[in-house]
PDB file of N, CA and C in Angstrom:
ATOM      1  N   MET A   1      31.728  88.535 -95.032  1.00  0.00           N
ATOM      2  CA  MET A   1      31.828  87.145 -95.447  1.00  0.00           C
ATOM      3  C   MET A   1      32.713  86.409 -94.461  1.00  0.00           C
ATOM      4  N   LEU A   2      32.367  85.204 -94.159  1.00  0.00           N
ATOM      5  CA  LEU A   2      33.106  84.384 -93.210  1.00  0.00           C
ATOM      6  C   LEU A   2      33.283  83.000 -93.794  1.00  0.00           C
ATOM      7  N   ALA A   3      34.483  82.495 -93.729  1.00  0.00           N
ATOM      8  CA  ALA A   3      34.753  81.126 -94.185  1.00  0.00           C
ATOM      9  C   ALA A   3      35.251  80.334 -92.987  1.00  0.00           C
ATOM     10  N   LEU A   4      34.718  79.139 -92.820  1.00  0.00           N
ATOM     11  CA  LEU A   4      35.085  78.288 -91.679  1.00  0.00           C
ATOM     12  C   LEU A   4      35.628  76.964 -92.158  1.00  0.00           C
ATOM     13  N   ARG A   5      36.646  76.498 -91.477  1.00  0.00           N
ATOM     14  CA  ARG A   5      37.128  75.138 -91.701  1.00  0.00           C
ATOM     15  C   ARG A   5      36.736  74.330 -90.482  1.00  0.00           C
ATOM     16  N   LEU A   6      35.983  73.294 -90.720  1.00  0.00           N
ATOM     17  CA  LEU A   6      35.497  72.446 -89.644  1.00  0.00           C
ATOM     18  C   LEU A   6      36.113  71.065 -89.750  1.00  0.00           C
ATOM     19  N   PRO A   7      36.244  70.396 -88.617  1.00  0.00           N
ATOM     20  CA  PRO A   7      36.691  68.996 -88.674  1.00  0.00           C
ATOM     21  C   PRO A   7      35.690  68.190 -89.510  1.00  0.00           C
ATOM     22  N   PRO A   8      36.171  67.182 -90.221  1.00  0.00           N
ATOM     23  CA  PRO A   8      35.290  66.411 -91.109  1.00  0.00           C
ATOM     24  C   PRO A   8      34.044  65.848 -90.421  1.00  0.00           C
ATOM     25  N   ASP A   9      34.174  65.393 -89.189  1.00  0.00           N
ATOM     26  CA  ASP A   9      32.999  64.832 -88.511  1.00  0.00           C
ATOM     27  C   ASP A   9      31.951  65.901 -88.213  1.00  0.00           C
ATOM     28  N   ILE A  10      32.393  67.098 -87.874  1.00  0.00           N
ATOM     29  CA  ILE A  10      31.453  68.197 -87.614  1.00  0.00           C
ATOM     30  C   ILE A  10      30.820  68.650 -88.921  1.00  0.00           C
ATOM     31  N   GLU A  11      31.609  68.723 -89.960  1.00  0.00           N
ATOM     32  CA  GLU A  11      31.080  69.077 -91.284  1.00  0.00           C
ATOM     33  C   GLU A  11      30.003  68.083 -91.715  1.00  0.00           C
ATOM     34  N   ALA A  12      30.247  66.803 -91.478  1.00  0.00           N
ATOM     35  CA  ALA A  12      29.269  65.768 -91.842  1.00  0.00           C
ATOM     36  C   ALA A  12      27.992  65.925 -91.033  1.00  0.00           C
ATOM     37  N   ARG A  13      28.127  66.215 -89.762  1.00  0.00           N
ATOM     38  CA  ARG A  13      26.927  66.418 -88.931  1.00  0.00           C
ATOM     39  C   ARG A  13      26.137  67.621 -89.405  1.00  0.00           C
ATOM     40  N   LEU A  14      26.844  68.698 -89.733  1.00  0.00           N
ATOM     41  CA  LEU A  14      26.189  69.905 -90.225  1.00  0.00           C
ATOM     42  C   LEU A  14      25.508  69.649 -91.568  1.00  0.00           C
ATOM     43  N   ASP A  15      26.178  68.929 -92.443  1.00  0.00           N
ATOM     44  CA  ASP A  15      25.571  68.549 -93.724  1.00  0.00           C
ATOM     45  C   ASP A  15      24.278  67.769 -93.512  1.00  0.00           C
ATOM     46  N   GLU A  16      24.332  66.810 -92.604  1.00  0.00           N
ATOM     47  CA  GLU A  16      23.156  65.966 -92.344  1.00  0.00           C
ATOM     48  C   GLU A  16      22.014  66.778 -91.748  1.00  0.00           C
ATOM     49  N   LEU A  17      22.324  67.653 -90.797  1.00  0.00           N
ATOM     50  CA  LEU A  17      21.287  68.491 -90.200  1.00  0.00           C
ATOM     51  C   LEU A  17      20.644  69.379 -91.261  1.00  0.00           C
ATOM     52  N   ALA A  18      21.467  69.984 -92.098  1.00  0.00           N
ATOM     53  CA  ALA A  18      20.936  70.843 -93.166  1.00  0.00           C
ATOM     54  C   ALA A  18      20.062  70.040 -94.119  1.00  0.00           C
ATOM     55  N   ARG A  19      20.501  68.841 -94.474  1.00  0.00           N
ATOM     56  CA  ARG A  19      19.735  67.994 -95.388  1.00  0.00           C
ATOM     57  C   ARG A  19      18.399  67.602 -94.771  1.00  0.00           C
ATOM     58  N   LEU A  20      18.413  67.210 -93.504  1.00  0.00           N
ATOM     59  CA  LEU A  20      17.185  66.756 -92.843  1.00  0.00           C
ATOM     60  C   LEU A  20      16.166  67.866 -92.639  1.00  0.00           C
ATOM     61  N   THR A  21      16.640  69.074 -92.437  1.00  0.00           N
ATOM     62  CA  THR A  21      15.741  70.178 -92.105  1.00  0.00           C
ATOM     63  C   THR A  21      15.430  71.097 -93.276  1.00  0.00           C
ATOM     64  N   GLY A  22      16.193  70.965 -94.364  1.00  0.00           N
ATOM     65  CA  GLY A  22      15.974  71.847 -95.503  1.00  0.00           C
ATOM     66  C   GLY A  22      16.520  73.252 -95.300  1.00  0.00           C
ATOM     67  N   ARG A  23      17.296  73.436 -94.271  1.00  0.00           N
ATOM     68  CA  ARG A  23      17.937  74.736 -94.032  1.00  0.00           C
ATOM     69  C   ARG A  23      19.384  74.660 -94.490  1.00  0.00           C
ATOM     70  N   SER A  24      19.987  75.813 -94.663  1.00  0.00           N
ATOM     71  CA  SER A  24      21.374  75.834 -95.135  1.00  0.00           C
ATOM     72  C   SER A  24      22.351  75.619 -93.968  1.00  0.00           C
ATOM     73  N   LYS A  25      23.546  75.186 -94.331  1.00  0.00           N
ATOM     74  CA  LYS A  25      24.601  75.071 -93.326  1.00  0.00           C
ATOM     75  C   LYS A  25      24.925  76.452 -92.756  1.00  0.00           C
ATOM     76  N   SER A  26      24.857  77.473 -93.582  1.00  0.00           N
ATOM     77  CA  SER A  26      25.114  78.839 -93.117  1.00  0.00           C
ATOM     78  C   SER A  26      24.118  79.261 -92.042  1.00  0.00           C
ATOM     79  N   TYR A  27      22.865  78.841 -92.223  1.00  0.00           N
ATOM     80  CA  TYR A  27      21.847  79.156 -91.217  1.00  0.00           C
ATOM     81  C   TYR A  27      22.268  78.610 -89.860  1.00  0.00           C
ATOM     82  N   TYR A  28      22.691  77.358 -89.817  1.00  0.00           N
ATOM     83  CA  TYR A  28      23.062  76.741 -88.545  1.00  0.00           C
ATOM     84  C   TYR A  28      24.358  77.298 -87.987  1.00  0.00           C
ATOM     85  N   ALA A  29      25.301  77.641 -88.840  1.00  0.00           N
ATOM     86  CA  ALA A  29      26.536  78.272 -88.371  1.00  0.00           C
ATOM     87  C   ALA A  29      26.216  79.626 -87.744  1.00  0.00           C
ATOM     88  N   ARG A  30      25.346  80.379 -88.400  1.00  0.00           N
ATOM     89  CA  ARG A  30      24.935  81.688 -87.874  1.00  0.00           C
ATOM     90  C   ARG A  30      24.229  81.530 -86.537  1.00  0.00           C
ATOM     91  N   GLU A  31      23.317  80.592 -86.437  1.00  0.00           N
ATOM     92  CA  GLU A  31      22.593  80.352 -85.185  1.00  0.00           C
ATOM     93  C   GLU A  31      23.554  79.981 -84.052  1.00  0.00           C
ATOM     94  N   ALA A  32      24.522  79.133 -84.349  1.00  0.00           N
ATOM     95  CA  ALA A  32      25.485  78.719 -83.328  1.00  0.00           C
ATOM     96  C   ALA A  32      26.303  79.916 -82.847  1.00  0.00           C
ATOM     97  N   ILE A  33      26.737  80.754 -83.768  1.00  0.00           N
ATOM     98  CA  ILE A  33      27.515  81.930 -83.394  1.00  0.00           C
ATOM     99  C   ILE A  33      26.676  82.887 -82.558  1.00  0.00           C
ATOM    100  N   LEU A  34      25.473  83.174 -83.004  1.00  0.00           N
ATOM    101  CA  LEU A  34      24.615  84.092 -82.258  1.00  0.00           C
ATOM    102  C   LEU A  34      24.290  83.560 -80.863  1.00  0.00           C
ATOM    103  N   THR A  35      24.105  82.255 -80.759  1.00  0.00           N
ATOM    104  CA  THR A  35      23.764  81.647 -79.478  1.00  0.00           C
ATOM    105  C   THR A  35      24.931  81.689 -78.495  1.00  0.00           C
ATOM    106  N   HIS A  36      26.145  81.539 -78.991  1.00  0.00           N
ATOM    107  CA  HIS A  36      27.289  81.368 -78.097  1.00  0.00           C
ATOM    108  C   HIS A  36      28.245  82.558 -78.030  1.00  0.00           C
ATOM    109  N   LEU A  37      28.049  83.570 -78.829  1.00  0.00           N
ATOM    110  CA  LEU A  37      28.979  84.691 -78.842  1.00  0.00           C
ATOM    111  C   LEU A  37      29.039  85.403 -77.486  1.00  0.00           C
ATOM    112  N   ASP A  38      27.906  85.636 -76.855  1.00  0.00           N
ATOM    113  CA  ASP A  38      27.903  86.272 -75.533  1.00  0.00           C
ATOM    114  C   ASP A  38      28.734  85.469 -74.538  1.00  0.00           C
ATOM    115  N   ASP A  39      28.561  84.151 -74.541  1.00  0.00           N
ATOM    116  CA  ASP A  39      29.325  83.299 -73.626  1.00  0.00           C
ATOM    117  C   ASP A  39      30.816  83.374 -73.915  1.00  0.00           C
ATOM    118  N   LEU A  40      31.187  83.350 -75.188  1.00  0.00           N
ATOM    119  CA  LEU A  40      32.598  83.432 -75.556  1.00  0.00           C
ATOM    120  C   LEU A  40      33.212  84.762 -75.127  1.00  0.00           C
ATOM    121  N   GLU A  41      32.453  85.836 -75.296  1.00  0.00           N
ATOM    122  CA  GLU A  41      32.936  87.150 -74.844  1.00  0.00           C
ATOM    123  C   GLU A  41      33.101  87.176 -73.335  1.00  0.00           C
ATOM    124  N   ASP A  42      32.138  86.607 -72.606  1.00  0.00           N
ATOM    125  CA  ASP A  42      32.226  86.558 -71.141  1.00  0.00           C
ATOM    126  C   ASP A  42      33.439  85.757 -70.682  1.00  0.00           C
ATOM    127  N   ILE A  43      33.698  84.640 -71.346  1.00  0.00           N
ATOM    128  CA  ILE A  43      34.858  83.814 -70.998  1.00  0.00           C
ATOM    129  C   ILE A  43      36.140  84.603 -71.228  1.00  0.00           C
ATOM    130  N   TYR A  44      36.240  85.270 -72.354  1.00  0.00           N
ATOM    131  CA  TYR A  44      37.423  86.067 -72.661  1.00  0.00           C
ATOM    132  C   TYR A  44      37.635  87.148 -71.603  1.00  0.00           C
ATOM    133  N   LEU A  45      36.571  87.877 -71.260  1.00  0.00           N
ATOM    134  CA  LEU A  45      36.689  88.936 -70.258  1.00  0.00           C
ATOM    135  C   LEU A  45      37.075  88.374 -68.900  1.00  0.00           C
ATOM    136  N   ALA A  46      36.525  87.219 -68.530  1.00  0.00           N
ATOM    137  CA  ALA A  46      36.873  86.585 -67.251  1.00  0.00           C
ATOM    138  C   ALA A  46      38.343  86.182 -67.234  1.00  0.00           C
ATOM    139  N   GLN A  47      38.830  85.645 -68.335  1.00  0.00           N
ATOM    140  CA  GLN A  47      40.240  85.262 -68.412  1.00  0.00           C
ATOM    141  C   GLN A  47      41.146  86.487 -68.312  1.00  0.00           C
ATOM    142  N   GLU A  48      40.765  87.558 -68.987  1.00  0.00           N
ATOM    143  CA  GLU A  48      41.542  88.789 -68.913  1.00  0.00           C
ATOM    144  C   GLU A  48      41.555  89.343 -67.485  1.00  0.00           C
ATOM    145  N   ARG A  49      40.411  89.315 -66.839  1.00  0.00           N
ATOM    146  CA  ARG A  49      40.303  89.801 -65.448  1.00  0.00           C
ATOM    147  C   ARG A  49      41.162  88.957 -64.523  1.00  0.00           C
ATOM    148  N   LEU A  50      41.142  87.643 -64.688  1.00  0.00           N
ATOM    149  CA  LEU A  50      41.950  86.752 -63.863  1.00  0.00           C
ATOM    150  C   LEU A  50      43.440  87.038 -64.053  1.00  0.00           C
ATOM    151  N   GLU A  51      43.860  87.217 -65.284  1.00  0.00           N
ATOM    152  CA  GLU A  51      45.269  87.530 -65.548  1.00  0.00           C
ATOM    153  C   GLU A  51      45.655  88.873 -64.931  1.00  0.00           C
ATOM    154  N   SER A  52      44.764  89.832 -64.991  1.00  0.00           N
ATOM    155  CA  SER A  52      45.009  91.133 -64.374  1.00  0.00           C
ATOM    156  C   SER A  52      45.171  90.991 -62.866  1.00  0.00           C
ATOM    157  N   LEU A  53      44.335  90.176 -62.256  1.00  0.00           N
ATOM    158  CA  LEU A  53      44.447  89.914 -60.815  1.00  0.00           C
ATOM    159  C   LEU A  53      45.775  89.234 -60.494  1.00  0.00           C
ATOM    160  N   ARG A  54      46.137  88.247 -61.277  1.00  0.00           N
ATOM    161  CA  ARG A  54      47.396  87.523 -61.045  1.00  0.00           C
ATOM    162  C   ARG A  54      48.619  88.424 -61.188  1.00  0.00           C
ATOM    163  N   ARG A  55      48.553  89.401 -62.074  1.00  0.00           N
ATOM    164  CA  ARG A  55      49.665  90.326 -62.271  1.00  0.00           C
ATOM    165  C   ARG A  55      49.666  91.436 -61.232  1.00  0.00           C
ATOM    166  N   GLY A  56      48.634  91.466 -60.389  1.00  0.00           N
ATOM    167  CA  GLY A  56      48.540  92.500 -59.362  1.00  0.00           C
ATOM    168  C   GLY A  56      48.100  93.849 -59.899  1.00  0.00           C
ATOM    169  N   GLU A  57      47.478  93.862 -61.051  1.00  0.00           N
ATOM    170  CA  GLU A  57      47.040  95.107 -61.681  1.00  0.00           C
ATOM    171  C   GLU A  57      45.642  95.538 -61.253  1.00  0.00           C
ATOM    172  N   SER A  58      44.926  94.666 -60.568  1.00  0.00           N
ATOM    173  CA  SER A  58      43.590  95.003 -60.084  1.00  0.00           C
ATOM    174  C   SER A  58      43.306  94.203 -58.819  1.00  0.00           C
ATOM    175  N   ASP A  59      42.267  94.592 -58.131  1.00  0.00           N
ATOM    176  CA  ASP A  59      41.888  93.937 -56.886  1.00  0.00           C
ATOM    177  C   ASP A  59      40.590  93.166 -57.068  1.00  0.00           C
ATOM    178  N   SER A  60      40.385  92.207 -56.199  1.00  0.00           N
ATOM    179  CA  SER A  60      39.112  91.478 -56.216  1.00  0.00           C
ATOM    180  C   SER A  60      38.082  92.252 -55.404  1.00  0.00           C
ATOM    181  N   VAL A  61      36.831  91.916 -55.615  1.00  0.00           N
ATOM    182  CA  VAL A  61      35.726  92.543 -54.884  1.00  0.00           C
ATOM    183  C   VAL A  61      34.977  91.428 -54.170  1.00  0.00           C
ATOM    184  N   PRO A  62      34.802  91.554 -52.860  1.00  0.00           N
ATOM    185  CA  PRO A  62      34.079  90.501 -52.134  1.00  0.00           C
ATOM    186  C   PRO A  62      32.652  90.331 -52.669  1.00  0.00           C
ATOM    187  N   LEU A  63      32.202  89.084 -52.726  1.00  0.00           N
ATOM    188  CA  LEU A  63      30.853  88.796 -53.213  1.00  0.00           C
ATOM    189  C   LEU A  63      29.805  89.545 -52.412  1.00  0.00           C
ATOM    190  N   SER A  64      29.987  89.640 -51.096  1.00  0.00           N
ATOM    191  CA  SER A  64      29.013  90.343 -50.251  1.00  0.00           C
ATOM    192  C   SER A  64      28.858  91.800 -50.682  1.00  0.00           C
ATOM    193  N   GLN A  65      29.961  92.428 -51.094  1.00  0.00           N
ATOM    194  CA  GLN A  65      29.899  93.814 -51.549  1.00  0.00           C
ATOM    195  C   GLN A  65      29.132  93.923 -52.865  1.00  0.00           C
ATOM    196  N   VAL A  66      29.362  92.996 -53.771  1.00  0.00           N
ATOM    197  CA  VAL A  66      28.649  92.999 -55.053  1.00  0.00           C
ATOM    198  C   VAL A  66      27.161  92.769 -54.827  1.00  0.00           C
ATOM    199  N   MET A  67      26.837  91.804 -53.979  1.00  0.00           N
ATOM    200  CA  MET A  67      25.427  91.516 -53.706  1.00  0.00           C
ATOM    201  C   MET A  67      24.735  92.729 -53.092  1.00  0.00           C
ATOM    202  N   LYS A  68      25.406  93.401 -52.152  1.00  0.00           N
ATOM    203  CA  LYS A  68      24.828  94.592 -51.532  1.00  0.00           C
ATOM    204  C   LYS A  68      24.639  95.695 -52.559  1.00  0.00           C
ATOM    205  N   GLN A  69      25.642  95.887 -53.427  1.00  0.00           N
ATOM    206  CA  GLN A  69      25.587  96.935 -54.445  1.00  0.00           C
ATOM    207  C   GLN A  69      24.383  96.748 -55.367  1.00  0.00           C
ATOM    208  N   TYR A  70      24.047  95.502 -55.677  1.00  0.00           N
ATOM    209  CA  TYR A  70      22.954  95.223 -56.602  1.00  0.00           C
ATOM    210  C   TYR A  70      21.668  94.809 -55.901  1.00  0.00           C
ATOM    211  N   GLY A  71      21.597  95.028 -54.593  1.00  0.00           N
ATOM    212  CA  GLY A  71      20.373  94.743 -53.859  1.00  0.00           C
ATOM    213  C   GLY A  71      20.029  93.267 -53.747  1.00  0.00           C
ATOM    214  N   LEU A  72      21.043  92.425 -53.705  1.00  0.00           N
ATOM    215  CA  LEU A  72      20.815  90.967 -53.633  1.00  0.00           C
ATOM    216  C   LEU A  72      21.198  90.398 -52.279  1.00  0.00           C
ATOM    217  N   ASP A  73      21.383  91.234 -51.282  1.00  0.00           N
ATOM    218  CA  ASP A  73      21.865  90.800 -49.984  1.00  0.00           C
ATOM    219  C   ASP A  73      20.757  90.420 -49.014  1.00  0.00           C
ATOM    220  N   ASP A  74      19.580  90.167 -49.492  1.00  0.00           N
ATOM    221  CA  ASP A  74      18.435  89.805 -48.629  1.00  0.00           C
ATOM    222  C   ASP A  74      18.626  88.453 -48.011  1.00  0.00           C
TER     223      ASP A  74
END
């Protein structure tokens, strides 16, 4: 179970969308989460990687090396 507190303007938009389409607000909340969860995870991992680089705990990899590794250096 998940409970969300939304700003009033977003809640109103969600209410209106649900009313117009006959779908539940939960349906649209679920769709939004499923659509954006991968992106949110990627952002988190990128931020963690950047902080690790800044602390000197890891090294960067040149783009040319990554492209060669994955066969994209054509």
